[in-house]
Amino acid sequence: DSWRAETDLDWAAAAIIGSINSQICDEDHLKADGANYAAWSNFIDERMCDAVNKPMYVYMLLLFLAW
């Protein structure tokens, strides 16, 4: 059923976000002014590729969750 599928997706998203967040050092967090956006974005892309072997997954997931 769709409720179960959404719940499974939420759990998967939380696990991936938690995994990535635990690997980010304080100096690697995205700065408020976005000065380190390129380096931060590359870091996230690499971690997503490691996590799900699909680098665009996080963007598709965020778009789905925002919709």
C-alpha atoms as a PDB file:
ATOM      1  CA  ASP A   1       0.000   0.000   0.000  1.00  0.00           C
ATOM      2  CA  SER A   2       1.117   3.593  -0.592  1.00  0.00           C
ATOM      3  CA  TRP A   3       1.394   4.462   3.114  1.00  0.00           C
ATOM      4  CA  ARG A   4       3.875   1.611   3.618  1.00  0.00           C
ATOM      5  CA  ALA A   5       5.886   2.676   0.558  1.00  0.00           C
ATOM      6  CA  GLU A   6       6.084   6.260   1.830  1.00  0.00           C
ATOM      7  CA  THR A   7       7.137   5.045   5.274  1.00  0.00           C
ATOM      8  CA  ASP A   8       9.859   2.864   3.754  1.00  0.00           C
ATOM      9  CA  LEU A   9      11.096   5.820   1.703  1.00  0.00           C
ATOM     10  CA  ASP A  10      11.139   8.029   4.806  1.00  0.00           C
ATOM     11  CA  TRP A  11      13.195   5.443   6.709  1.00  0.00           C
ATOM     12  CA  ALA A  12      15.631   5.077   3.808  1.00  0.00           C
ATOM     13  CA  ALA A  13      16.004   8.852   3.517  1.00  0.00           C
ATOM     14  CA  ALA A  14      16.600   9.207   7.258  1.00  0.00           C
ATOM     15  CA  ALA A  15      19.230   6.457   7.207  1.00  0.00           C
ATOM     16  CA  ILE A  16      21.070   8.017   4.267  1.00  0.00           C
ATOM     17  CA  ILE A  17      20.940  11.523   5.728  1.00  0.00           C
ATOM     18  CA  GLY A  18      22.131  10.234   9.102  1.00  0.00           C
ATOM     19  CA  SER A  19      24.976   8.342   7.475  1.00  0.00           C
ATOM     20  CA  ILE A  20      26.120  11.375   5.516  1.00  0.00           C
ATOM     21  CA  ASN A  21      25.702  13.756   8.450  1.00  0.00           C
ATOM     22  CA  SER A  22      27.871  11.592  10.697  1.00  0.00           C
ATOM     23  CA  GLN A  23      30.721  11.883   8.174  1.00  0.00           C
ATOM     24  CA  ILE A  24      30.693  15.697   7.964  1.00  0.00           C
ATOM     25  CA  CYS A  25      33.219  17.505  10.167  1.00  0.00           C
ATOM     26  CA  ASP A  26      32.262  20.930  11.513  1.00  0.00           C
ATOM     27  CA  GLU A  27      34.555  22.691   9.027  1.00  0.00           C
ATOM     28  CA  ASP A  28      32.883  20.798   6.152  1.00  0.00           C
ATOM     29  CA  HIS A  29      29.335  21.975   6.893  1.00  0.00           C
ATOM     30  CA  LEU A  30      27.813  24.312   4.326  1.00  0.00           C
ATOM     31  CA  LYS A  31      28.617  27.880   5.351  1.00  0.00           C
ATOM     32  CA  ALA A  32      25.763  30.343   5.768  1.00  0.00           C
ATOM     33  CA  ASP A  33      27.094  32.532   2.959  1.00  0.00           C
ATOM     34  CA  GLY A  34      27.554  29.528   0.651  1.00  0.00           C
ATOM     35  CA  ALA A  35      31.271  30.248   0.225  1.00  0.00           C
ATOM     36  CA  ASN A  36      32.144  26.543   0.309  1.00  0.00           C
ATOM     37  CA  TYR A  37      29.161  25.333  -1.735  1.00  0.00           C
ATOM     38  CA  ALA A  38      31.214  23.684  -4.502  1.00  0.00           C
ATOM     39  CA  ALA A  39      33.328  21.643  -2.066  1.00  0.00           C
ATOM     40  CA  TRP A  40      30.282  20.798   0.058  1.00  0.00           C
ATOM     41  CA  SER A  41      28.274  19.712  -2.983  1.00  0.00           C
ATOM     42  CA  ASN A  42      31.103  17.463  -4.179  1.00  0.00           C
ATOM     43  CA  PHE A  43      31.317  15.919  -0.702  1.00  0.00           C
ATOM     44  CA  ILE A  44      27.579  15.197  -0.643  1.00  0.00           C
ATOM     45  CA  ASP A  45      27.636  13.759  -4.178  1.00  0.00           C
ATOM     46  CA  GLU A  46      30.511  11.425  -3.283  1.00  0.00           C
ATOM     47  CA  ARG A  47      28.783  10.226  -0.114  1.00  0.00           C
ATOM     48  CA  MET A  48      25.512   9.658  -1.955  1.00  0.00           C
ATOM     49  CA  CYS A  49      27.315   7.683  -4.625  1.00  0.00           C
ATOM     50  CA  ASP A  50      28.860   5.563  -1.879  1.00  0.00           C
ATOM     51  CA  ALA A  51      25.531   5.170  -0.086  1.00  0.00           C
ATOM     52  CA  VAL A  52      23.248   4.238  -2.961  1.00  0.00           C
ATOM     53  CA  ASN A  53      25.485   4.110  -6.035  1.00  0.00           C
ATOM     54  CA  LYS A  54      23.203   6.704  -7.655  1.00  0.00           C
ATOM     55  CA  PRO A  55      24.588  10.237  -7.286  1.00  0.00           C
ATOM     56  CA  MET A  56      21.336  11.953  -8.329  1.00  0.00           C
ATOM     57  CA  TYR A  57      19.262   9.962  -5.812  1.00  0.00           C
ATOM     58  CA  VAL A  58      19.432  12.637  -3.114  1.00  0.00           C
ATOM     59  CA  TYR A  59      18.112  15.323  -5.468  1.00  0.00           C
ATOM     60  CA  MET A  60      15.266  13.133  -6.685  1.00  0.00           C
ATOM     61  CA  LEU A  61      14.475  12.197  -3.083  1.00  0.00           C
ATOM     62  CA  LEU A  62      14.434  15.827  -1.936  1.00  0.00           C
ATOM     63  CA  LEU A  63      12.205  16.816  -4.854  1.00  0.00           C
ATOM     64  CA  PHE A  64       9.829  13.978  -4.009  1.00  0.00           C
ATOM     65  CA  LEU A  65       9.720  14.909  -0.322  1.00  0.00           C
ATOM     66  CA  ALA A  66       9.133  18.593  -1.145  1.00  0.00           C
ATOM     67  CA  TRP A  67       6.284  17.728  -3.487  1.00  0.00           C
END
